Amino acid sequence: MYGFVEAFLVIVTTSIFAVTVHLISVQYAVVSGAFITLVLTTVLLFVIIKPSKRKYHDSRMEKFPS
């Protein structure tokens, strides 16, 4: 199910940017796409390192010590 959702989001995002490029300049589309990617990456980073995930990360570190 996760793969389907991911593929759907990729298709939708690509379609949105394709339409945007036809309406405005390519430079604006690339810069806005990079900014959106930065924001999403930052949000996902904070979701992953939430304190509620600490138990999961601690257990993984025990299995794979550095």
N, C-alpha and C. Protein backbone atom coordinates (compact mmCIF):
# COMPACT_ATOMS: atom_id res chain seq x y z
N MET A 1 0.83 -1.20 0.00
CA MET A 1 0.00 0.00 0.00
C MET A 1 0.87 1.26 0.00
N TYR A 2 1.97 1.21 0.78
CA TYR A 2 2.85 2.37 0.86
C TYR A 2 3.44 2.71 -0.51
N GLY A 3 3.82 1.67 -1.27
CA GLY A 3 4.39 1.89 -2.59
C GLY A 3 3.40 2.55 -3.54
N PHE A 4 2.13 2.17 -3.43
CA PHE A 4 1.10 2.77 -4.27
C PHE A 4 0.94 4.25 -3.94
N VAL A 5 0.89 4.58 -2.67
CA VAL A 5 0.74 5.98 -2.25
C VAL A 5 1.94 6.79 -2.70
N GLU A 6 3.13 6.24 -2.55
CA GLU A 6 4.34 6.94 -2.97
C GLU A 6 4.32 7.19 -4.48
N ALA A 7 3.98 6.17 -5.25
CA ALA A 7 3.93 6.32 -6.70
C ALA A 7 2.87 7.35 -7.10
N PHE A 8 1.73 7.33 -6.44
CA PHE A 8 0.68 8.29 -6.73
C PHE A 8 1.15 9.72 -6.46
N LEU A 9 1.81 9.92 -5.33
CA LEU A 9 2.31 11.25 -5.00
C LEU A 9 3.37 11.72 -6.00
N VAL A 10 4.22 10.83 -6.46
CA VAL A 10 5.23 11.19 -7.45
C VAL A 10 4.56 11.61 -8.75
N ILE A 11 3.56 10.87 -9.18
CA ILE A 11 2.85 11.19 -10.43
C ILE A 11 2.13 12.53 -10.31
N VAL A 12 1.45 12.74 -9.18
CA VAL A 12 0.71 13.99 -8.98
C VAL A 12 1.68 15.18 -8.93
N THR A 13 2.76 15.03 -8.19
CA THR A 13 3.74 16.12 -8.07
C THR A 13 4.36 16.43 -9.43
N THR A 14 4.72 15.42 -10.19
CA THR A 14 5.29 15.63 -11.51
C THR A 14 4.30 16.32 -12.43
N SER A 15 3.05 15.92 -12.36
CA SER A 15 2.02 16.55 -13.20
C SER A 15 1.83 18.02 -12.83
N ILE A 16 1.82 18.31 -11.55
CA ILE A 16 1.65 19.69 -11.10
C ILE A 16 2.80 20.55 -11.61
N PHE A 17 4.03 20.04 -11.49
CA PHE A 17 5.17 20.82 -11.95
C PHE A 17 5.18 20.96 -13.47
N ALA A 18 4.71 19.94 -14.19
CA ALA A 18 4.65 20.03 -15.66
C ALA A 18 3.69 21.14 -16.09
N VAL A 19 2.53 21.20 -15.44
CA VAL A 19 1.57 22.26 -15.76
C VAL A 19 2.13 23.62 -15.36
N THR A 20 2.80 23.69 -14.23
CA THR A 20 3.39 24.94 -13.76
C THR A 20 4.44 25.45 -14.74
N VAL A 21 5.26 24.56 -15.26
CA VAL A 21 6.31 24.97 -16.19
C VAL A 21 5.71 25.55 -17.46
N HIS A 22 4.58 25.03 -17.89
CA HIS A 22 3.94 25.58 -19.09
C HIS A 22 3.36 26.96 -18.83
N LEU A 23 2.98 27.23 -17.60
CA LEU A 23 2.36 28.52 -17.27
C LEU A 23 3.37 29.60 -16.90
N ILE A 24 4.46 29.21 -16.28
CA ILE A 24 5.46 30.19 -15.83
C ILE A 24 6.84 29.73 -16.28
N SER A 25 7.86 30.49 -15.91
CA SER A 25 9.22 30.16 -16.35
C SER A 25 9.74 28.90 -15.67
N VAL A 26 10.66 28.24 -16.33
CA VAL A 26 11.26 27.02 -15.81
C VAL A 26 12.05 27.31 -14.54
N GLN A 27 12.72 28.46 -14.50
CA GLN A 27 13.53 28.81 -13.34
C GLN A 27 12.67 28.89 -12.09
N TYR A 28 11.52 29.50 -12.17
CA TYR A 28 10.63 29.61 -11.01
C TYR A 28 10.15 28.22 -10.57
N ALA A 29 9.84 27.37 -11.52
CA ALA A 29 9.38 26.02 -11.18
C ALA A 29 10.47 25.23 -10.48
N VAL A 30 11.71 25.34 -10.94
CA VAL A 30 12.82 24.61 -10.32
C VAL A 30 13.09 25.12 -8.91
N VAL A 31 13.10 26.44 -8.75
CA VAL A 31 13.36 27.02 -7.43
C VAL A 31 12.24 26.66 -6.46
N SER A 32 10.99 26.75 -6.90
CA SER A 32 9.88 26.40 -6.00
C SER A 32 9.88 24.91 -5.68
N GLY A 33 10.25 24.07 -6.63
CA GLY A 33 10.34 22.64 -6.37
C GLY A 33 11.43 22.32 -5.36
N ALA A 34 12.56 23.00 -5.46
CA ALA A 34 13.64 22.80 -4.50
C ALA A 34 13.22 23.27 -3.11
N PHE A 35 12.49 24.38 -3.04
CA PHE A 35 12.02 24.89 -1.76
C PHE A 35 11.01 23.93 -1.12
N ILE A 36 10.09 23.42 -1.92
CA ILE A 36 9.11 22.47 -1.40
C ILE A 36 9.80 21.20 -0.89
N THR A 37 10.79 20.74 -1.64
CA THR A 37 11.55 19.56 -1.21
C THR A 37 12.26 19.81 0.10
N LEU A 38 12.85 21.00 0.25
CA LEU A 38 13.53 21.36 1.50
C LEU A 38 12.55 21.37 2.66
N VAL A 39 11.38 21.96 2.47
CA VAL A 39 10.38 22.02 3.54
C VAL A 39 9.91 20.62 3.92
N LEU A 40 9.60 19.79 2.93
CA LEU A 40 9.14 18.43 3.21
C LEU A 40 10.22 17.61 3.91
N THR A 41 11.46 17.77 3.50
CA THR A 41 12.56 17.06 4.14
C THR A 41 12.70 17.47 5.60
N THR A 42 12.59 18.76 5.86
CA THR A 42 12.69 19.26 7.23
C THR A 42 11.54 18.72 8.09
N VAL A 43 10.34 18.73 7.55
CA VAL A 43 9.18 18.21 8.30
C VAL A 43 9.36 16.73 8.59
N LEU A 44 9.77 15.96 7.59
CA LEU A 44 9.97 14.52 7.79
C LEU A 44 11.09 14.25 8.79
N LEU A 45 12.13 15.07 8.78
CA LEU A 45 13.21 14.90 9.75
C LEU A 45 12.69 15.06 11.17
N PHE A 46 11.86 16.08 11.40
CA PHE A 46 11.32 16.28 12.74
C PHE A 46 10.34 15.18 13.13
N VAL A 47 9.62 14.64 12.18
CA VAL A 47 8.70 13.54 12.47
C VAL A 47 9.49 12.30 12.87
N ILE A 48 10.60 12.07 12.19
CA ILE A 48 11.41 10.88 12.46
C ILE A 48 12.10 10.96 13.81
N ILE A 49 12.59 12.15 14.20
CA ILE A 49 13.35 12.25 15.44
C ILE A 49 12.49 12.68 16.63
N LYS A 50 11.18 12.53 16.51
CA LYS A 50 10.31 12.86 17.63
C LYS A 50 10.67 12.01 18.84
N PRO A 51 10.48 12.56 20.04
CA PRO A 51 10.76 11.77 21.25
C PRO A 51 9.96 10.47 21.32
N SER A 52 8.79 10.42 20.71
CA SER A 52 7.99 9.20 20.75
C SER A 52 8.67 8.07 19.97
N LYS A 53 9.62 8.38 19.09
CA LYS A 53 10.34 7.37 18.32
C LYS A 53 11.64 6.95 19.02
N ARG A 54 11.93 7.50 20.18
CA ARG A 54 13.20 7.23 20.85
C ARG A 54 13.39 5.75 21.16
N LYS A 55 12.34 5.08 21.60
CA LYS A 55 12.44 3.66 21.93
C LYS A 55 12.84 2.86 20.69
N TYR A 56 12.26 3.19 19.56
CA TYR A 56 12.59 2.51 18.31
C TYR A 56 14.05 2.73 17.93
N HIS A 57 14.50 3.97 18.00
CA HIS A 57 15.88 4.27 17.61
C HIS A 57 16.88 3.64 18.58
N ASP A 58 16.56 3.63 19.88
CA ASP A 58 17.45 3.00 20.85
C ASP A 58 17.58 1.51 20.61
N SER A 59 16.46 0.86 20.28
CA SER A 59 16.52 -0.58 20.03
C SER A 59 17.31 -0.89 18.76
N ARG A 60 17.25 -0.03 17.76
CA ARG A 60 18.01 -0.23 16.54
C ARG A 60 19.51 -0.05 16.80
N MET A 61 19.85 0.88 17.67
CA MET A 61 21.27 1.11 17.96
C MET A 61 21.87 -0.08 18.70
N GLU A 62 21.06 -0.80 19.50
CA GLU A 62 21.56 -1.98 20.20
C GLU A 62 21.86 -3.09 19.21
N LYS A 63 21.04 -3.21 18.16
CA LYS A 63 21.24 -4.26 17.17
C LYS A 63 22.43 -3.98 16.27
N PHE A 64 22.66 -2.69 15.96
CA PHE A 64 23.71 -2.31 15.03
C PHE A 64 24.66 -1.29 15.68
N PRO A 65 25.49 -1.72 16.60
CA PRO A 65 26.41 -0.75 17.23
C PRO A 65 27.42 -0.23 16.21
N SER A 66 27.87 0.97 16.43
CA SER A 66 28.82 1.56 15.46
C SER A 66 30.24 1.18 15.75
